[in-house]
C-alpha atoms as a PDB file:
ATOM      1  CA  MET A   1      28.447 -98.743 -20.393  1.00  0.00           C
ATOM      2  CA  LYS A   2      27.575-102.119 -20.826  1.00  0.00           C
ATOM      3  CA  ASP A   3      26.074-103.059 -24.109  1.00  0.00           C
ATOM      4  CA  GLY A   4      25.963 -99.666 -25.273  1.00  0.00           C
ATOM      5  CA  VAL A   5      23.858 -98.629 -22.388  1.00  0.00           C
ATOM      6  CA  PRO A   6      24.748 -96.114 -19.283  1.00  0.00           C
ATOM      7  CA  GLN A   7      24.906 -97.651 -15.851  1.00  0.00           C
ATOM      8  CA  ILE A   8      26.943 -94.965 -14.056  1.00  0.00           C
ATOM      9  CA  GLY A   9      27.835 -91.618 -14.082  1.00  0.00           C
ATOM     10  CA  VAL A  10      27.126 -87.732 -14.119  1.00  0.00           C
ATOM     11  CA  VAL A  11      25.051 -85.503 -16.127  1.00  0.00           C
ATOM     12  CA  ASP A  12      25.098 -81.471 -16.022  1.00  0.00           C
ATOM     13  CA  LEU A  13      21.763 -79.700 -15.571  1.00  0.00           C
ATOM     14  CA  ALA A  14      21.070 -76.095 -15.508  1.00  0.00           C
ATOM     15  CA  ASP A  15      20.585 -76.568 -11.501  1.00  0.00           C
ATOM     16  CA  GLY A  16      23.517 -78.391 -10.776  1.00  0.00           C
ATOM     17  CA  TYR A  17      24.816 -82.183 -11.101  1.00  0.00           C
ATOM     18  CA  ARG A  18      22.969 -85.254 -11.242  1.00  0.00           C
ATOM     19  CA  ALA A  19      25.051 -88.382 -10.123  1.00  0.00           C
ATOM     20  CA  GLY A  20      24.808 -91.984  -9.825  1.00  0.00           C
ATOM     21  CA  SER A  21      23.314 -95.201 -11.328  1.00  0.00           C
ATOM     22  CA  PHE A  22      21.069 -95.395 -14.447  1.00  0.00           C
ATOM     23  CA  SER A  23      17.917 -97.063 -14.459  1.00  0.00           C
ATOM     24  CA  ASP A  24      15.369 -96.971 -17.085  1.00  0.00           C
ATOM     25  CA  GLY A  25      17.050 -94.241 -18.969  1.00  0.00           C
ATOM     26  CA  ASP A  26      17.354 -91.800 -16.268  1.00  0.00           C
ATOM     27  CA  ILE A  27      20.114 -91.004 -13.403  1.00  0.00           C
ATOM     28  CA  GLY A  28      19.050 -91.049 -10.165  1.00  0.00           C
ATOM     29  CA  ALA A  29      15.405 -90.473 -10.624  1.00  0.00           C
ATOM     30  CA  GLY A  30      13.077 -90.270  -7.903  1.00  0.00           C
ATOM     31  CA  ALA A  31      15.860 -90.808  -4.835  1.00  0.00           C
ATOM     32  CA  GLU A  32      19.364 -89.339  -3.669  1.00  0.00           C
ATOM     33  CA  PRO A  33      22.074 -91.993  -4.389  1.00  0.00           C
ATOM     34  CA  ASP A  34      23.905 -93.732  -1.487  1.00  0.00           C
ATOM     35  CA  PRO A  35      26.996 -91.454  -1.091  1.00  0.00           C
ATOM     36  CA  GLN A  36      29.682 -94.192  -2.194  1.00  0.00           C
ATOM     37  CA  ASN A  37      27.701 -94.662  -5.559  1.00  0.00           C
ATOM     38  CA  ARG A  38      27.673 -90.751  -6.069  1.00  0.00           C
ATOM     39  CA  ILE A  39      31.296 -90.203  -5.432  1.00  0.00           C
ATOM     40  CA  ASP A  40      31.860 -93.669  -7.895  1.00  0.00           C
ATOM     41  CA  ALA A  41      30.270 -91.920 -10.426  1.00  0.00           C
ATOM     42  CA  PHE A  42      31.999 -88.775 -10.573  1.00  0.00           C
ATOM     43  CA  ARG A  43      35.274 -90.697 -10.390  1.00  0.00           C
ATOM     44  CA  ILE A  44      34.137 -92.632 -13.130  1.00  0.00           C
ATOM     45  CA  ALA A  45      33.182 -89.416 -15.180  1.00  0.00           C
ATOM     46  CA  ALA A  46      36.435 -88.031 -14.145  1.00  0.00           C
ATOM     47  CA  GLU A  47      38.165 -90.575 -15.319  1.00  0.00           C
ATOM     48  CA  ALA A  48      36.308 -90.862 -18.507  1.00  0.00           C
ATOM     49  CA  ALA A  49      36.823 -86.665 -19.374  1.00  0.00           C
ATOM     50  CA  ARG A  50      40.427 -87.409 -18.908  1.00  0.00           C
ATOM     51  CA  SER A  51      40.489 -90.290 -21.697  1.00  0.00           C
ATOM     52  CA  VAL A  52      38.800 -87.911 -23.980  1.00  0.00           C
ATOM     53  CA  SER A  53      41.878 -85.389 -22.760  1.00  0.00           C
ATOM     54  CA  ALA A  54      44.339 -87.616 -23.813  1.00  0.00           C
ATOM     55  CA  LYS A  55      42.653 -88.499 -26.925  1.00  0.00           C
ATOM     56  CA  TYR A  56      42.535 -85.056 -28.291  1.00  0.00           C
ATOM     57  CA  ALA A  57      46.089 -84.492 -26.832  1.00  0.00           C
ATOM     58  CA  GLY A  58      47.258 -87.121 -29.324  1.00  0.00           C
ATOM     59  CA  GLU A  59      45.295 -85.477 -32.151  1.00  0.00           C
ATOM     60  CA  ASN A  60      47.482 -82.515 -31.282  1.00  0.00           C
ATOM     61  CA  ASN A  61      43.931 -80.925 -30.358  1.00  0.00           C
ATOM     62  CA  ALA A  62      45.661 -78.802 -27.213  1.00  0.00           C
ATOM     63  CA  GLY A  63      42.316 -76.917 -26.996  1.00  0.00           C
ATOM     64  CA  SER A  64      39.596 -79.998 -26.593  1.00  0.00           C
ATOM     65  CA  ALA A  65      42.434 -81.412 -24.437  1.00  0.00           C
ATOM     66  CA  HIS A  66      42.873 -78.711 -22.173  1.00  0.00           C
ATOM     67  CA  LEU A  67      38.840 -78.364 -21.812  1.00  0.00           C
ATOM     68  CA  TYR A  68      38.292 -81.977 -20.715  1.00  0.00           C
ATOM     69  CA  GLU A  69      41.171 -82.213 -18.473  1.00  0.00           C
ATOM     70  CA  GLU A  70      39.477 -78.833 -16.657  1.00  0.00           C
ATOM     71  CA  LEU A  71      36.351 -80.581 -17.150  1.00  0.00           C
ATOM     72  CA  ALA A  72      37.752 -83.783 -15.122  1.00  0.00           C
ATOM     73  CA  LYS A  73      39.216 -81.656 -12.614  1.00  0.00           C
ATOM     74  CA  THR A  74      35.914 -79.936 -12.178  1.00  0.00           C
ATOM     75  CA  LEU A  75      33.914 -83.407 -11.540  1.00  0.00           C
ATOM     76  CA  GLU A  76      36.752 -84.736  -9.055  1.00  0.00           C
ATOM     77  CA  LEU A  77      36.149 -81.683  -6.787  1.00  0.00           C
ATOM     78  CA  GLN A  78      32.685 -82.890  -6.182  1.00  0.00           C
ATOM     79  CA  THR A  79      33.732 -85.797  -4.591  1.00  0.00           C
ATOM     80  CA  GLU A  80      35.339 -83.920  -1.597  1.00  0.00           C
END
């Protein structure tokens, strides 16, 4: 995020993930992102999911912490 606007990330759509840099409020619109940009997007998304997991763990919300930890693992698998 920069000034509250997403810069790079991952969106989970019905037909799969869309990952890359945001432009004009959309992610990866029009063209496939370069492979490194896609990898970076998944890594950043996984880090964000882990941060949310840690926040929930700190609040003793084990269910949500587990959900976000599993999401982080799923996102990391997309880079392999």
